[in-house]
PDB file of N, CA and C in Angstrom:
ATOM      1  N   MET A   1       3.010   1.823  14.835  1.00  0.00           N
ATOM      2  CA  MET A   1       3.290   0.307  15.116  1.00  0.00           C
ATOM      3  C   MET A   1       4.301   0.020  15.707  1.00  0.00           C
ATOM      4  N   SER A   2       4.404  -0.712  16.880  1.00  0.00           N
ATOM      5  CA  SER A   2       5.778  -1.169  17.354  1.00  0.00           C
ATOM      6  C   SER A   2       6.606  -2.189  16.576  1.00  0.00           C
ATOM      7  N   ARG A   3       7.720  -2.327  16.943  1.00  0.00           N
ATOM      8  CA  ARG A   3       8.493  -3.292  16.309  1.00  0.00           C
ATOM      9  C   ARG A   3       8.311  -4.883  16.860  1.00  0.00           C
ATOM     10  N   ASP A   4       8.340  -5.627  16.064  1.00  0.00           N
ATOM     11  CA  ASP A   4       7.866  -7.225  16.541  1.00  0.00           C
ATOM     12  C   ASP A   4       9.297  -7.609  16.844  1.00  0.00           C
ATOM     13  N   THR A   5       9.785  -7.633  18.055  1.00  0.00           N
ATOM     14  CA  THR A   5      11.072  -8.140  18.418  1.00  0.00           C
ATOM     15  C   THR A   5      10.913  -9.672  18.450  1.00  0.00           C
ATOM     16  N   GLN A   6      10.006 -10.289  18.811  1.00  0.00           N
ATOM     17  CA  GLN A   6       9.898 -11.614  18.787  1.00  0.00           C
ATOM     18  C   GLN A   6      10.083 -12.365  17.238  1.00  0.00           C
ATOM     19  N   PHE A   7       9.471 -11.611  16.362  1.00  0.00           N
ATOM     20  CA  PHE A   7       9.594 -12.050  14.919  1.00  0.00           C
ATOM     21  C   PHE A   7      11.128 -11.862  14.506  1.00  0.00           C
ATOM     22  N   ALA A   8      11.643 -10.729  14.761  1.00  0.00           N
ATOM     23  CA  ALA A   8      13.243 -10.500  14.668  1.00  0.00           C
ATOM     24  C   ALA A   8      14.060 -11.489  15.101  1.00  0.00           C
ATOM     25  N   ASP A   9      13.690 -11.705  16.542  1.00  0.00           N
ATOM     26  CA  ASP A   9      14.544 -12.785  17.152  1.00  0.00           C
ATOM     27  C   ASP A   9      14.396 -14.151  16.217  1.00  0.00           C
ATOM     28  N   TYR A  10      13.319 -14.510  15.885  1.00  0.00           N
ATOM     29  CA  TYR A  10      13.029 -15.826  15.125  1.00  0.00           C
ATOM     30  C   TYR A  10      13.709 -15.650  13.854  1.00  0.00           C
ATOM     31  N   ILE A  11      13.795 -14.625  13.220  1.00  0.00           N
ATOM     32  CA  ILE A  11      14.536 -14.618  11.805  1.00  0.00           C
ATOM     33  C   ILE A  11      16.040 -14.728  12.097  1.00  0.00           C
ATOM     34  N   VAL A  12      16.591 -13.785  13.008  1.00  0.00           N
ATOM     35  CA  VAL A  12      17.927 -13.778  13.225  1.00  0.00           C
ATOM     36  C   VAL A  12      18.473 -15.169  13.970  1.00  0.00           C
ATOM     37  N   GLU A  13      17.802 -15.647  14.873  1.00  0.00           N
ATOM     38  CA  GLU A  13      18.292 -16.539  15.646  1.00  0.00           C
ATOM     39  C   GLU A  13      17.853 -18.144  15.073  1.00  0.00           C
ATOM     40  N   ASP A  14      16.610 -18.339  14.738  1.00  0.00           N
ATOM     41  CA  ASP A  14      16.205 -19.632  14.250  1.00  0.00           C
ATOM     42  C   ASP A  14      16.148 -19.844  12.798  1.00  0.00           C
ATOM     43  N   VAL A  15      15.737 -18.915  11.842  1.00  0.00           N
ATOM     44  CA  VAL A  15      15.887 -19.025  10.510  1.00  0.00           C
ATOM     45  C   VAL A  15      17.454 -18.732  10.103  1.00  0.00           C
ATOM     46  N   LEU A  16      18.101 -17.759  10.379  1.00  0.00           N
ATOM     47  CA  LEU A  16      19.398 -17.362   9.832  1.00  0.00           C
ATOM     48  C   LEU A  16      20.534 -17.640  10.982  1.00  0.00           C
ATOM     49  N   GLY A  17      20.244 -18.187  12.080  1.00  0.00           N
ATOM     50  CA  GLY A  17      21.398 -18.529  12.863  1.00  0.00           C
ATOM     51  C   GLY A  17      22.283 -19.252  12.526  1.00  0.00           C
ATOM     52  N   HIS A  18      22.251 -20.291  11.450  1.00  0.00           N
ATOM     53  CA  HIS A  18      23.200 -21.033  11.016  1.00  0.00           C
ATOM     54  C   HIS A  18      24.288 -20.413  10.080  1.00  0.00           C
ATOM     55  N   LEU A  19      24.032 -19.202   9.780  1.00  0.00           N
ATOM     56  CA  LEU A  19      24.923 -18.396   8.875  1.00  0.00           C
ATOM     57  C   LEU A  19      25.667 -17.609   9.564  1.00  0.00           C
ATOM     58  N   ASP A  20      26.968 -17.394   9.299  1.00  0.00           N
ATOM     59  CA  ASP A  20      27.945 -16.614  10.174  1.00  0.00           C
ATOM     60  C   ASP A  20      27.710 -15.177   9.650  1.00  0.00           C
ATOM     61  N   GLY A  21      27.785 -14.352  10.956  1.00  0.00           N
ATOM     62  CA  GLY A  21      27.856 -12.830  10.571  1.00  0.00           C
ATOM     63  C   GLY A  21      26.513 -12.250  10.569  1.00  0.00           C
ATOM     64  N   ILE A  22      25.448 -12.851  11.157  1.00  0.00           N
ATOM     65  CA  ILE A  22      24.101 -12.241  10.654  1.00  0.00           C
ATOM     66  C   ILE A  22      23.709 -11.390  11.914  1.00  0.00           C
ATOM     67  N   THR A  23      23.359 -10.107  11.845  1.00  0.00           N
ATOM     68  CA  THR A  23      23.032  -9.135  12.864  1.00  0.00           C
ATOM     69  C   THR A  23      21.796  -8.508  12.460  1.00  0.00           C
ATOM     70  N   ARG A  24      21.335  -7.749  13.445  1.00  0.00           N
ATOM     71  CA  ARG A  24      20.077  -6.828  12.953  1.00  0.00           C
ATOM     72  C   ARG A  24      20.315  -5.450  13.609  1.00  0.00           C
ATOM     73  N   LYS A  25      19.697  -4.495  13.195  1.00  0.00           N
ATOM     74  CA  LYS A  25      19.657  -3.058  13.658  1.00  0.00           C
ATOM     75  C   LYS A  25      18.332  -2.474  13.343  1.00  0.00           C
ATOM     76  N   VAL A  26      18.060  -1.669  14.406  1.00  0.00           N
ATOM     77  CA  VAL A  26      16.809  -0.845  14.259  1.00  0.00           C
ATOM     78  C   VAL A  26      16.786  -0.220  12.940  1.00  0.00           C
ATOM     79  N   LEU A  27      15.770  -0.136  12.149  1.00  0.00           N
ATOM     80  CA  LEU A  27      15.689   0.521  11.026  1.00  0.00           C
ATOM     81  C   LEU A  27      14.232   1.029  10.889  1.00  0.00           C
ATOM     82  N   PHE A  28      14.136   2.325  10.963  1.00  0.00           N
ATOM     83  CA  PHE A  28      12.765   3.019  10.638  1.00  0.00           C
ATOM     84  C   PHE A  28      11.974   2.388  11.663  1.00  0.00           C
ATOM     85  N   SER A  29      10.717   1.635  11.203  1.00  0.00           N
ATOM     86  CA  SER A  29       9.721   1.178  11.954  1.00  0.00           C
ATOM     87  C   SER A  29       9.759  -0.381  11.999  1.00  0.00           C
ATOM     88  N   GLY A  30      11.122  -0.837  11.773  1.00  0.00           N
ATOM     89  CA  GLY A  30      11.391  -2.337  11.791  1.00  0.00           C
ATOM     90  C   GLY A  30      12.846  -2.545  11.907  1.00  0.00           C
ATOM     91  N   TYR A  31      13.449  -3.579  11.338  1.00  0.00           N
ATOM     92  CA  TYR A  31      14.960  -3.877  11.485  1.00  0.00           C
ATOM     93  C   TYR A  31      15.459  -4.034   9.962  1.00  0.00           C
ATOM     94  N   GLY A  32      16.809  -3.776  10.045  1.00  0.00           N
ATOM     95  CA  GLY A  32      17.676  -4.109   8.942  1.00  0.00           C
ATOM     96  C   GLY A  32      18.482  -5.442   9.293  1.00  0.00           C
ATOM     97  N   ILE A  33      18.625  -6.461   8.425  1.00  0.00           N
ATOM     98  CA  ILE A  33      19.190  -7.698   8.545  1.00  0.00           C
ATOM     99  C   ILE A  33      20.550  -7.645   7.826  1.00  0.00           C
ATOM    100  N   TYR A  34      21.519  -7.824   8.607  1.00  0.00           N
ATOM    101  CA  TYR A  34      22.768  -7.827   7.846  1.00  0.00           C
ATOM    102  C   TYR A  34      23.690  -9.175   7.961  1.00  0.00           C
ATOM    103  N   MET A  35      24.467  -9.288   6.976  1.00  0.00           N
ATOM    104  CA  MET A  35      25.474 -10.406   6.957  1.00  0.00           C
ATOM    105  C   MET A  35      26.809  -9.867   6.560  1.00  0.00           C
ATOM    106  N   LYS A  36      27.672 -10.116   7.549  1.00  0.00           N
ATOM    107  CA  LYS A  36      28.963  -9.594   7.339  1.00  0.00           C
ATOM    108  C   LYS A  36      29.118  -7.991   7.234  1.00  0.00           C
ATOM    109  N   GLY A  37      28.207  -7.292   7.611  1.00  0.00           N
ATOM    110  CA  GLY A  37      28.056  -5.797   7.552  1.00  0.00           C
ATOM    111  C   GLY A  37      27.380  -5.366   6.363  1.00  0.00           C
ATOM    112  N   LYS A  38      26.834  -6.468   5.525  1.00  0.00           N
ATOM    113  CA  LYS A  38      25.895  -5.815   4.379  1.00  0.00           C
ATOM    114  C   LYS A  38      24.610  -6.131   4.587  1.00  0.00           C
ATOM    115  N   ILE A  39      23.611  -5.166   4.266  1.00  0.00           N
ATOM    116  CA  ILE A  39      22.278  -5.354   4.443  1.00  0.00           C
ATOM    117  C   ILE A  39      21.694  -6.417   3.554  1.00  0.00           C
ATOM    118  N   VAL A  40      20.917  -7.327   3.756  1.00  0.00           N
ATOM    119  CA  VAL A  40      20.580  -8.593   3.029  1.00  0.00           C
ATOM    120  C   VAL A  40      18.965  -8.676   3.293  1.00  0.00           C
ATOM    121  N   GLY A  41      18.618  -7.980   4.117  1.00  0.00           N
ATOM    122  CA  GLY A  41      17.031  -8.005   4.301  1.00  0.00           C
ATOM    123  C   GLY A  41      16.511  -7.005   5.282  1.00  0.00           C
ATOM    124  N   ILE A  42      15.226  -6.715   5.433  1.00  0.00           N
ATOM    125  CA  ILE A  42      14.554  -6.002   6.284  1.00  0.00           C
ATOM    126  C   ILE A  42      13.229  -6.660   6.882  1.00  0.00           C
ATOM    127  N   ILE A  43      12.899  -6.358   8.053  1.00  0.00           N
ATOM    128  CA  ILE A  43      11.739  -6.746   8.770  1.00  0.00           C
ATOM    129  C   ILE A  43      10.780  -5.489   8.904  1.00  0.00           C
ATOM    130  N   ILE A  44       9.769  -5.272   8.267  1.00  0.00           N
ATOM    131  CA  ILE A  44       8.950  -4.303   8.302  1.00  0.00           C
ATOM    132  C   ILE A  44       7.333  -4.867   8.419  1.00  0.00           C
ATOM    133  N   TYR A  45       6.844  -4.472   9.675  1.00  0.00           N
ATOM    134  CA  TYR A  45       5.237  -4.847   9.837  1.00  0.00           C
ATOM    135  C   TYR A  45       5.248  -6.201   9.925  1.00  0.00           C
ATOM    136  N   GLY A  46       6.267  -6.776  10.451  1.00  0.00           N
ATOM    137  CA  GLY A  46       6.285  -8.420  10.741  1.00  0.00           C
ATOM    138  C   GLY A  46       6.317  -9.234   9.430  1.00  0.00           C
ATOM    139  N   VAL A  47       6.944  -8.678   8.431  1.00  0.00           N
ATOM    140  CA  VAL A  47       7.235  -9.380   7.158  1.00  0.00           C
ATOM    141  C   VAL A  47       8.670  -9.202   6.927  1.00  0.00           C
ATOM    142  N   PHE A  48       9.263 -10.457   6.646  1.00  0.00           N
ATOM    143  CA  PHE A  48      10.764 -10.467   6.230  1.00  0.00           C
ATOM    144  C   PHE A  48      10.961 -10.364   4.828  1.00  0.00           C
ATOM    145  N   TYR A  49      11.650  -9.252   4.393  1.00  0.00           N
ATOM    146  CA  TYR A  49      11.961  -9.073   2.846  1.00  0.00           C
ATOM    147  C   TYR A  49      13.555  -9.326   2.576  1.00  0.00           C
ATOM    148  N   THR A  50      13.810  -9.783   1.478  1.00  0.00           N
ATOM    149  CA  THR A  50      15.388  -9.949   1.249  1.00  0.00           C
ATOM    150  C   THR A  50      15.500  -8.828   0.095  1.00  0.00           C
ATOM    151  N   LYS A  51      16.744  -8.497   0.025  1.00  0.00           N
ATOM    152  CA  LYS A  51      17.215  -7.535  -0.878  1.00  0.00           C
ATOM    153  C   LYS A  51      17.253  -7.961  -2.257  1.00  0.00           C
ATOM    154  N   THR A  52      16.951  -7.390  -3.350  1.00  0.00           N
ATOM    155  CA  THR A  52      16.941  -7.867  -4.678  1.00  0.00           C
ATOM    156  C   THR A  52      17.618  -6.963  -5.653  1.00  0.00           C
ATOM    157  N   ASN A  53      17.751  -7.375  -6.890  1.00  0.00           N
ATOM    158  CA  ASN A  53      17.960  -6.378  -7.904  1.00  0.00           C
ATOM    159  C   ASN A  53      16.771  -6.630  -8.922  1.00  0.00           C
ATOM    160  N   LYS A  54      16.532  -6.169 -10.158  1.00  0.00           N
ATOM    161  CA  LYS A  54      15.423  -6.474 -10.886  1.00  0.00           C
ATOM    162  C   LYS A  54      15.321  -7.785 -11.304  1.00  0.00           C
ATOM    163  N   LYS A  55      16.496  -8.456 -11.671  1.00  0.00           N
ATOM    164  CA  LYS A  55      16.286  -9.908 -12.012  1.00  0.00           C
ATOM    165  C   LYS A  55      15.689 -10.726 -10.798  1.00  0.00           C
ATOM    166  N   LEU A  56      16.205 -10.517  -9.697  1.00  0.00           N
ATOM    167  CA  LEU A  56      15.794 -11.314  -8.519  1.00  0.00           C
ATOM    168  C   LEU A  56      14.241 -10.775  -8.302  1.00  0.00           C
ATOM    169  N   MET A  57      14.050  -9.822  -8.399  1.00  0.00           N
ATOM    170  CA  MET A  57      12.707  -9.081  -7.959  1.00  0.00           C
ATOM    171  C   MET A  57      11.693  -9.931  -8.922  1.00  0.00           C
ATOM    172  N   GLU A  58      11.868  -9.897 -10.028  1.00  0.00           N
ATOM    173  CA  GLU A  58      11.011 -10.768 -11.130  1.00  0.00           C
ATOM    174  C   GLU A  58      10.935 -12.081 -10.867  1.00  0.00           C
ATOM    175  N   LYS A  59      12.172 -12.695 -10.379  1.00  0.00           N
ATOM    176  CA  LYS A  59      12.004 -14.292 -10.333  1.00  0.00           C
ATOM    177  C   LYS A  59      11.223 -14.566  -9.061  1.00  0.00           C
ATOM    178  N   TYR A  60      11.080 -13.695  -7.905  1.00  0.00           N
ATOM    179  CA  TYR A  60      10.531 -13.885  -6.680  1.00  0.00           C
ATOM    180  C   TYR A  60       8.985 -13.455  -6.821  1.00  0.00           C
ATOM    181  N   LYS A  61       8.714 -12.564  -7.513  1.00  0.00           N
ATOM    182  CA  LYS A  61       7.329 -12.016  -7.943  1.00  0.00           C
ATOM    183  C   LYS A  61       6.660 -13.257  -8.729  1.00  0.00           C
ATOM    184  N   SER A  62       7.421 -13.864  -9.546  1.00  0.00           N
ATOM    185  CA  SER A  62       6.806 -14.856 -10.360  1.00  0.00           C
ATOM    186  C   SER A  62       6.633 -16.112  -9.447  1.00  0.00           C
ATOM    187  N   GLU A  63       7.043 -16.082  -8.322  1.00  0.00           N
ATOM    188  CA  GLU A  63       6.860 -17.226  -7.251  1.00  0.00           C
ATOM    189  C   GLU A  63       5.845 -16.965  -6.363  1.00  0.00           C
ATOM    190  N   GLY A  64       5.278 -15.606  -6.391  1.00  0.00           N
ATOM    191  CA  GLY A  64       4.167 -15.225  -5.482  1.00  0.00           C
ATOM    192  C   GLY A  64       4.611 -14.489  -4.297  1.00  0.00           C
ATOM    193  N   ASP A  65       5.937 -14.109  -4.299  1.00  0.00           N
ATOM    194  CA  ASP A  65       6.324 -13.078  -3.282  1.00  0.00           C
ATOM    195  C   ASP A  65       6.090 -11.754  -3.740  1.00  0.00           C
ATOM    196  N   GLU A  66       6.031 -10.750  -2.823  1.00  0.00           N
ATOM    197  CA  GLU A  66       5.454  -9.381  -3.067  1.00  0.00           C
ATOM    198  C   GLU A  66       6.727  -8.233  -2.626  1.00  0.00           C
ATOM    199  N   PRO A  67       6.792  -7.414  -3.499  1.00  0.00           N
ATOM    200  CA  PRO A  67       7.815  -6.300  -3.382  1.00  0.00           C
ATOM    201  C   PRO A  67       7.413  -5.568  -2.177  1.00  0.00           C
ATOM    202  N   PHE A  68       8.358  -4.965  -1.530  1.00  0.00           N
ATOM    203  CA  PHE A  68       8.087  -4.059  -0.292  1.00  0.00           C
ATOM    204  C   PHE A  68       7.516  -2.483  -0.846  1.00  0.00           C
ATOM    205  N   GLN A  69       6.543  -2.191  -0.589  1.00  0.00           N
ATOM    206  CA  GLN A  69       6.141  -1.008  -1.122  1.00  0.00           C
ATOM    207  C   GLN A  69       5.478  -0.020   0.225  1.00  0.00           C
ATOM    208  N   TYR A  70       5.462   1.221  -0.011  1.00  0.00           N
ATOM    209  CA  TYR A  70       5.162   2.079   0.913  1.00  0.00           C
ATOM    210  C   TYR A  70       4.538   3.375   0.137  1.00  0.00           C
ATOM    211  N   GLU A  71       3.535   3.837   0.768  1.00  0.00           N
ATOM    212  CA  GLU A  71       2.677   5.114   0.268  1.00  0.00           C
ATOM    213  C   GLU A  71       3.338   6.542   0.773  1.00  0.00           C
ATOM    214  N   ARG A  72       3.818   7.233  -0.014  1.00  0.00           N
ATOM    215  CA  ARG A  72       4.088   8.761   0.515  1.00  0.00           C
ATOM    216  C   ARG A  72       2.908   9.476   0.444  1.00  0.00           C
ATOM    217  N   PRO A  73       3.006  10.542   1.155  1.00  0.00           N
ATOM    218  CA  PRO A  73       1.956  11.536   1.278  1.00  0.00           C
ATOM    219  C   PRO A  73       1.718  12.035  -0.177  1.00  0.00           C
ATOM    220  N   GLY A  74       0.435  12.188  -0.183  1.00  0.00           N
ATOM    221  CA  GLY A  74       0.181  12.608  -1.812  1.00  0.00           C
ATOM    222  C   GLY A  74      -0.384  11.139  -2.627  1.00  0.00           C
ATOM    223  N   GLY A  75      -0.174   9.987  -1.967  1.00  0.00           N
ATOM    224  CA  GLY A  75      -0.634   8.937  -2.680  1.00  0.00           C
ATOM    225  C   GLY A  75       0.436   8.239  -3.644  1.00  0.00           C
ATOM    226  N   LYS A  76       1.645   8.741  -3.770  1.00  0.00           N
ATOM    227  CA  LYS A  76       2.451   8.166  -4.543  1.00  0.00           C
ATOM    228  C   LYS A  76       3.153   6.717  -3.908  1.00  0.00           C
ATOM    229  N   VAL A  77       3.007   5.516  -4.550  1.00  0.00           N
ATOM    230  CA  VAL A  77       3.416   4.349  -4.056  1.00  0.00           C
ATOM    231  C   VAL A  77       4.920   4.157  -4.691  1.00  0.00           C
ATOM    232  N   VAL A  78       5.874   3.910  -3.634  1.00  0.00           N
ATOM    233  CA  VAL A  78       7.181   3.553  -3.922  1.00  0.00           C
ATOM    234  C   VAL A  78       7.466   2.130  -3.656  1.00  0.00           C
ATOM    235  N   THR A  79       8.139   1.536  -4.581  1.00  0.00           N
ATOM    236  CA  THR A  79       8.671   0.196  -4.670  1.00  0.00           C
ATOM    237  C   THR A  79      10.020   0.102  -4.206  1.00  0.00           C
ATOM    238  N   MET A  80      10.352  -0.593  -3.214  1.00  0.00           N
ATOM    239  CA  MET A  80      11.930  -0.580  -2.765  1.00  0.00           C
ATOM    240  C   MET A  80      12.389  -1.977  -3.343  1.00  0.00           C
ATOM    241  N   PRO A  81      13.767  -2.001  -3.332  1.00  0.00           N
ATOM    242  CA  PRO A  81      14.295  -3.442  -4.049  1.00  0.00           C
ATOM    243  C   PRO A  81      14.694  -4.505  -2.831  1.00  0.00           C
ATOM    244  N   TYR A  82      13.301  -4.835  -2.345  1.00  0.00           N
ATOM    245  CA  TYR A  82      13.114  -5.850  -1.388  1.00  0.00           C
ATOM    246  C   TYR A  82      11.860  -6.717  -1.668  1.00  0.00           C
ATOM    247  N   VAL A  83      12.003  -7.969  -1.411  1.00  0.00           N
ATOM    248  CA  VAL A  83      10.924  -8.864  -1.691  1.00  0.00           C
ATOM    249  C   VAL A  83      10.590  -9.890  -0.445  1.00  0.00           C
ATOM    250  N   SER A  84       9.263  -9.871  -0.334  1.00  0.00           N
ATOM    251  CA  SER A  84       8.928 -10.920   0.827  1.00  0.00           C
ATOM    252  C   SER A  84       9.477 -12.387   0.614  1.00  0.00           C
ATOM    253  N   VAL A  85       9.639 -12.994   1.587  1.00  0.00           N
ATOM    254  CA  VAL A  85       9.946 -14.358   1.839  1.00  0.00           C
ATOM    255  C   VAL A  85       8.859 -15.210   2.364  1.00  0.00           C
ATOM    256  N   SER A  86       8.473 -16.199   1.607  1.00  0.00           N
ATOM    257  CA  SER A  86       7.315 -17.031   1.979  1.00  0.00           C
ATOM    258  C   SER A  86       7.814 -17.953   3.179  1.00  0.00           C
ATOM    259  N   LEU A  87       6.787 -18.489   3.629  1.00  0.00           N
ATOM    260  CA  LEU A  87       6.938 -19.364   4.937  1.00  0.00           C
ATOM    261  C   LEU A  87       7.769 -20.499   4.414  1.00  0.00           C
ATOM    262  N   ASP A  88       7.264 -21.205   3.248  1.00  0.00           N
ATOM    263  CA  ASP A  88       7.974 -22.317   2.978  1.00  0.00           C
ATOM    264  C   ASP A  88       9.526 -22.088   2.824  1.00  0.00           C
ATOM    265  N   VAL A  89       9.910 -20.915   2.404  1.00  0.00           N
ATOM    266  CA  VAL A  89      11.077 -20.614   2.174  1.00  0.00           C
ATOM    267  C   VAL A  89      11.939 -20.357   3.526  1.00  0.00           C
ATOM    268  N   LEU A  90      11.191 -19.853   4.491  1.00  0.00           N
ATOM    269  CA  LEU A  90      11.722 -19.615   5.843  1.00  0.00           C
ATOM    270  C   LEU A  90      11.968 -20.778   6.603  1.00  0.00           C
ATOM    271  N   GLU A  91      11.309 -21.855   6.217  1.00  0.00           N
ATOM    272  CA  GLU A  91      11.456 -23.282   6.787  1.00  0.00           C
ATOM    273  C   GLU A  91      12.122 -24.146   6.186  1.00  0.00           C
ATOM    274  N   ASP A  92      12.881 -23.664   5.090  1.00  0.00           N
ATOM    275  CA  ASP A  92      13.827 -24.627   4.223  1.00  0.00           C
ATOM    276  C   ASP A  92      15.269 -24.021   4.322  1.00  0.00           C
ATOM    277  N   ARG A  93      16.070 -24.457   4.920  1.00  0.00           N
ATOM    278  CA  ARG A  93      17.351 -23.959   5.248  1.00  0.00           C
ATOM    279  C   ARG A  93      18.211 -23.936   3.976  1.00  0.00           C
ATOM    280  N   GLU A  94      18.243 -24.723   2.948  1.00  0.00           N
ATOM    281  CA  GLU A  94      18.910 -24.552   1.776  1.00  0.00           C
ATOM    282  C   GLU A  94      18.299 -23.242   1.019  1.00  0.00           C
ATOM    283  N   ARG A  95      16.961 -23.071   0.940  1.00  0.00           N
ATOM    284  CA  ARG A  95      16.260 -22.093   0.189  1.00  0.00           C
ATOM    285  C   ARG A  95      16.647 -20.902   0.769  1.00  0.00           C
ATOM    286  N   ILE A  96      16.471 -20.621   2.156  1.00  0.00           N
ATOM    287  CA  ILE A  96      16.793 -19.482   2.449  1.00  0.00           C
ATOM    288  C   ILE A  96      18.157 -18.874   2.682  1.00  0.00           C
ATOM    289  N   GLU A  97      19.188 -20.071   2.718  1.00  0.00           N
ATOM    290  CA  GLU A  97      20.452 -19.682   2.555  1.00  0.00           C
ATOM    291  C   GLU A  97      20.943 -19.068   1.109  1.00  0.00           C
ATOM    292  N   GLU A  98      20.327 -19.853   0.313  1.00  0.00           N
ATOM    293  CA  GLU A  98      20.524 -19.411  -1.134  1.00  0.00           C
ATOM    294  C   GLU A  98      19.873 -17.785  -1.342  1.00  0.00           C
ATOM    295  N   ARG A  99      18.646 -17.601  -0.723  1.00  0.00           N
ATOM    296  CA  ARG A  99      18.145 -16.187  -0.809  1.00  0.00           C
ATOM    297  C   ARG A  99      19.095 -15.129  -0.292  1.00  0.00           C
ATOM    298  N   ILE A 100      19.661 -15.494   1.042  1.00  0.00           N
ATOM    299  CA  ILE A 100      20.536 -14.655   1.693  1.00  0.00           C
ATOM    300  C   ILE A 100      21.707 -14.396   0.991  1.00  0.00           C
ATOM    301  N   TRP A 101      22.205 -15.389   0.223  1.00  0.00           N
ATOM    302  CA  TRP A 101      23.561 -15.162  -0.529  1.00  0.00           C
ATOM    303  C   TRP A 101      23.134 -14.343  -1.718  1.00  0.00           C
ATOM    304  N   GLU A 102      22.108 -14.687  -2.317  1.00  0.00           N
ATOM    305  CA  GLU A 102      21.865 -13.881  -3.406  1.00  0.00           C
ATOM    306  C   GLU A 102      21.596 -12.277  -3.198  1.00  0.00           C
ATOM    307  N   ALA A 103      21.041 -11.924  -1.861  1.00  0.00           N
ATOM    308  CA  ALA A 103      20.935 -10.604  -1.315  1.00  0.00           C
ATOM    309  C   ALA A 103      22.263 -10.034  -1.200  1.00  0.00           C
ATOM    310  N   TYR A 104      23.054 -10.933  -0.379  1.00  0.00           N
ATOM    311  CA  TYR A 104      24.474 -10.551  -0.280  1.00  0.00           C
ATOM    312  C   TYR A 104      25.244 -10.090  -1.519  1.00  0.00           C
ATOM    313  N   GLU A 105      25.013 -10.866  -2.561  1.00  0.00           N
ATOM    314  CA  GLU A 105      25.730 -10.428  -3.841  1.00  0.00           C
ATOM    315  C   GLU A 105      25.171  -9.342  -4.382  1.00  0.00           C
ATOM    316  N   VAL A 106      24.076  -8.971  -4.191  1.00  0.00           N
ATOM    317  CA  VAL A 106      23.336  -7.728  -4.803  1.00  0.00           C
ATOM    318  C   VAL A 106      24.076  -6.551  -4.276  1.00  0.00           C
ATOM    319  N   ASN A 107      24.714  -6.366  -3.114  1.00  0.00           N
ATOM    320  CA  ASN A 107      25.264  -5.170  -2.509  1.00  0.00           C
ATOM    321  C   ASN A 107      26.523  -4.864  -3.200  1.00  0.00           C
TER     322      ASN A 107
END
């Protein structure tokens, strides 16, 4: 699957463009999203995920967001410390900024 450059542009420029120091780098089959040099999120298969710790993961899962998971050869499912960002959060400047700062502090 190819990288969704348009979606990455939307996240970096439109959703997070008001924050200083937001950049993106190619990461596996997607992008890493950075703020001031620290990874705060990833874009994989057209979904934006923010970095979490255990507490944030539970908080956002309780709100309906999904953890980033992938399947290894042999069928083992691996859960990474990233959780999806819903459309209503992407469209709310205050809420997305809060999520990004939380992700920044996890690092």
